[in-house]
Amino acid sequence: GQELAGDLGGCSEYDPEFYAEAMKANPASRGNIVIYETSRRKFREMEKEILSKLTGSGIARKRLRTFFVKISPGDLREGVELWLLP
């Protein structure tokens, strides 16, 4: 897979609009969304926000899979990875 956007708080820009455009340009592709959060509740909130943006951009929900990675508060991995799979 190719990482298209990095975490929310770091140097990489989190850009679901760019990700949606990349998925539209590759209609056979699937998307994996990895969300690093400190709790399942925070994961669900972020998941809902991201999926809402992507499905609102015309991406079918069945093309998207989400993954929860539990981290400790202050962990440098905090954020979101958007992967485009062929």
Protein backbone atom coordinates (compact mmCIF):
# COMPACT_ATOMS: atom_id res chain seq x y z
CA GLY A 1 0.00 0.00 0.00
CA GLN A 2 0.92 3.60 -0.32
CA GLU A 3 0.52 6.03 2.53
CA LEU A 4 -1.27 9.11 1.23
CA ALA A 5 -1.63 11.18 4.36
CA GLY A 6 -0.09 11.17 7.78
CA ASP A 7 -1.20 12.06 11.24
CA LEU A 8 -3.39 14.95 12.28
CA GLY A 9 -0.92 16.69 14.55
CA GLY A 10 2.42 16.17 12.82
CA CYS A 11 4.15 17.44 9.72
CA SER A 12 2.10 15.46 7.21
CA GLU A 13 -1.24 16.91 6.24
CA TYR A 14 -4.36 14.84 6.86
CA ASP A 15 -6.34 15.30 3.64
CA PRO A 16 -9.44 13.12 3.15
CA GLU A 17 -10.44 15.16 0.06
CA PHE A 18 -7.17 14.24 -1.71
CA TYR A 19 -7.65 10.63 -0.60
CA ALA A 20 -11.21 10.56 -2.00
CA GLU A 21 -9.93 11.92 -5.33
CA ALA A 22 -7.20 9.25 -5.44
CA MET A 23 -9.81 6.55 -4.80
CA LYS A 24 -12.07 7.94 -7.54
CA ALA A 25 -9.12 7.91 -9.96
CA ASN A 26 -8.55 4.24 -9.08
CA PRO A 27 -12.06 2.73 -9.04
CA ALA A 28 -10.84 -0.84 -8.46
CA SER A 29 -8.85 0.17 -5.38
CA ARG A 30 -9.76 -0.30 -1.74
CA GLY A 31 -8.96 1.93 1.18
CA ASN A 32 -7.56 1.01 4.56
CA ILE A 33 -7.85 3.64 7.26
CA VAL A 34 -5.64 3.12 10.31
CA ILE A 35 -6.65 5.24 13.30
CA TYR A 36 -4.24 5.50 16.24
CA GLU A 37 -6.22 6.52 19.32
CA THR A 38 -6.11 6.19 23.09
CA SER A 39 -9.62 4.74 23.42
CA ARG A 40 -12.27 2.89 21.42
CA ARG A 41 -14.64 5.86 21.94
CA LYS A 42 -12.19 8.33 20.37
CA PHE A 43 -11.56 5.86 17.55
CA ARG A 44 -15.31 5.62 16.81
CA GLU A 45 -15.61 9.44 16.75
CA MET A 46 -12.70 9.78 14.31
CA GLU A 47 -13.94 6.83 12.24
CA LYS A 48 -17.39 8.41 11.91
CA GLU A 49 -15.90 11.76 10.85
CA ILE A 50 -13.59 10.24 8.24
CA LEU A 51 -16.18 7.85 6.78
CA SER A 52 -18.71 10.68 6.59
CA LYS A 53 -16.28 12.82 4.58
CA LEU A 54 -15.33 9.97 2.24
CA THR A 55 -18.84 8.65 1.61
CA GLY A 56 -20.00 12.25 1.17
CA SER A 57 -17.37 12.54 -1.58
CA GLY A 58 -18.90 9.59 -3.40
CA ILE A 59 -16.72 6.73 -2.13
CA ALA A 60 -18.73 3.56 -1.45
CA ARG A 61 -18.54 2.46 2.18
CA LYS A 62 -17.84 -1.14 1.10
CA ARG A 63 -14.49 0.01 -0.37
CA LEU A 64 -13.27 1.22 3.03
CA ARG A 65 -11.93 -0.73 6.02
CA THR A 66 -11.00 0.86 9.31
CA PHE A 67 -8.50 -0.35 11.88
CA PHE A 68 -8.11 0.70 15.52
CA VAL A 69 -4.61 0.82 16.99
CA LYS A 70 -4.66 1.51 20.72
CA ILE A 71 -1.88 3.83 21.86
CA SER A 72 -0.85 5.42 25.14
CA PRO A 73 -1.46 9.16 25.67
CA GLY A 74 1.42 11.13 24.16
CA ASP A 75 2.43 8.32 21.79
CA LEU A 76 4.07 9.79 18.69
CA ARG A 77 2.03 7.51 16.40
CA GLU A 78 -1.19 9.34 17.28
CA GLY A 79 -3.22 10.17 14.19
CA VAL A 80 -4.50 8.62 10.99
CA GLU A 81 -2.97 6.76 8.08
CA LEU A 82 -4.87 6.56 4.79
CA TRP A 83 -3.79 3.63 2.58
CA LEU A 84 -4.78 3.04 -1.04
CA LEU A 85 -4.65 -0.64 -2.04
CA PRO A 86 -4.73 -1.81 -5.66
